Amino acid sequence: MVISLTEAAVNKLKKMKTNEDQLPRIDADIAGGCGISVKFNLIFDGMRRNDTVIEYEGIQIRIDHFTKRYLDEITQIDYTEEYGFQVGESFSSSACAIEF
């Protein structure tokens, strides 16, 4: 798995004042019942058990096992003033599994 940050994202994260307990994490917001929608966010919170930590230019990004399975092999984090942090590609699926 590769996490890359645009120059704008690196600059914003380096300027932000965070303490050791509130570090950036890629989080998956899952919605749906029969079918699924996944949106990725960058949040700031504490360490969770079994986190994967990826370091990029001195910035530690954490990912939990649940979120990790939905990320692409290469995930980019960008930042714009208008939209804030943008993480990877969100996706949705209308596939529905029915067992008999």
Protein backbone atom coordinates (compact mmCIF):
# COMPACT_ATOMS: atom_id res chain seq x y z
CA MET A 1 0.00 0.00 0.00
CA VAL A 2 1.28 3.44 -0.95
CA ILE A 3 -0.01 6.68 0.55
CA SER A 4 1.07 9.85 -1.23
CA LEU A 5 0.39 13.44 -0.28
CA THR A 6 0.29 16.39 -2.63
CA GLU A 7 2.47 19.37 -1.80
CA ALA A 8 -0.62 21.29 -0.63
CA ALA A 9 -1.57 18.46 1.80
CA VAL A 10 1.99 18.20 3.18
CA ASN A 11 2.18 21.96 3.71
CA LYS A 12 -1.22 22.10 5.47
CA LEU A 13 -0.43 19.13 7.75
CA LYS A 14 2.96 20.59 8.71
CA LYS A 15 1.35 23.94 9.57
CA MET A 16 -1.39 22.39 11.71
CA LYS A 17 -0.75 22.26 15.41
CA THR A 18 -1.65 18.81 16.71
CA ASN A 19 -0.57 16.99 19.83
CA GLU A 20 0.75 13.43 19.93
CA ASP A 21 -2.69 12.07 20.83
CA GLN A 22 -4.41 13.67 17.84
CA LEU A 23 -2.64 12.54 14.68
CA PRO A 24 -4.07 12.20 11.13
CA ARG A 25 -5.95 9.02 10.25
CA ILE A 26 -7.60 7.90 7.04
CA ASP A 27 -11.12 6.87 7.99
CA ALA A 28 -13.73 5.10 5.87
CA ASP A 29 -17.33 6.28 6.14
CA ILE A 30 -19.47 3.34 4.98
CA ALA A 31 -23.15 3.69 4.09
CA GLY A 32 -25.70 1.42 2.54
CA GLY A 33 -27.67 -1.72 3.06
CA CYS A 34 -27.95 -3.70 -0.12
CA GLY A 35 -25.11 -2.01 -1.92
CA ILE A 36 -22.34 0.06 -0.43
CA SER A 37 -20.94 3.56 -0.55
CA VAL A 38 -17.48 4.38 0.84
CA LYS A 39 -16.15 7.88 1.40
CA PHE A 40 -12.69 8.45 2.83
CA ASN A 41 -11.92 11.26 5.27
CA LEU A 42 -8.85 12.52 7.07
CA ILE A 43 -9.64 12.79 10.77
CA PHE A 44 -7.48 13.52 13.80
CA ASP A 45 -7.71 11.17 16.76
CA GLY A 46 -5.80 8.83 19.06
CA MET A 47 -4.01 5.59 18.33
CA ARG A 48 -6.14 2.46 17.90
CA ARG A 49 -5.07 -1.10 18.47
CA ASN A 50 -3.57 -2.68 15.33
CA ASP A 51 -3.17 0.63 13.47
CA THR A 52 -0.87 0.69 10.48
CA VAL A 53 1.35 3.78 10.53
CA ILE A 54 2.71 5.14 7.27
CA GLU A 55 5.21 7.98 7.35
CA TYR A 56 5.42 10.49 4.51
CA GLU A 57 7.94 13.35 4.69
CA GLY A 58 7.93 13.19 8.49
CA ILE A 59 4.13 13.09 8.72
CA GLN A 60 2.60 9.97 10.26
CA ILE A 61 -0.70 8.82 8.75
CA ARG A 62 -2.58 6.04 10.53
CA ILE A 63 -4.97 3.52 9.03
CA ASP A 64 -7.00 0.90 10.86
CA HIS A 65 -7.57 -2.60 9.43
CA PHE A 66 -11.22 -1.88 8.59
CA THR A 67 -10.37 1.15 6.44
CA LYS A 68 -7.27 -0.43 4.92
CA ARG A 69 -9.26 -3.10 3.10
CA TYR A 70 -11.25 -0.47 1.15
CA LEU A 71 -8.29 1.67 0.03
CA ASP A 72 -6.72 1.40 -3.39
CA GLU A 73 -3.16 0.10 -3.63
CA ILE A 74 -2.09 3.73 -4.22
CA THR A 75 -4.05 6.40 -2.31
CA GLN A 76 -3.43 10.12 -2.62
CA ILE A 77 -4.29 12.81 -0.08
CA ASP A 78 -4.80 16.34 -1.38
CA TYR A 79 -5.81 19.63 0.26
CA THR A 80 -7.68 22.65 -1.07
CA GLU A 81 -9.04 25.63 0.82
CA GLU A 82 -12.47 25.04 -0.71
CA TYR A 83 -12.85 21.31 0.07
CA GLY A 84 -10.28 20.63 2.80
CA PHE A 85 -8.54 17.25 2.74
CA GLN A 86 -9.55 14.91 -0.08
CA VAL A 87 -8.57 11.27 0.37
CA GLY A 88 -8.39 8.77 -2.50
CA GLU A 89 -11.34 7.82 -4.62
CA SER A 90 -14.69 7.31 -2.96
CA PHE A 91 -16.81 4.61 -4.53
CA SER A 92 -20.18 2.94 -4.46
CA SER A 93 -21.50 -0.43 -5.48
CA SER A 94 -25.05 -1.54 -6.09
CA ALA A 95 -24.14 -5.22 -5.89
CA CYS A 96 -26.34 -7.16 -3.52
CA ALA A 97 -25.63 -10.63 -2.19
CA ILE A 98 -28.65 -12.80 -1.49
CA GLU A 99 -28.29 -16.24 0.05
CA PHE A 100 -30.91 -18.95 -0.13
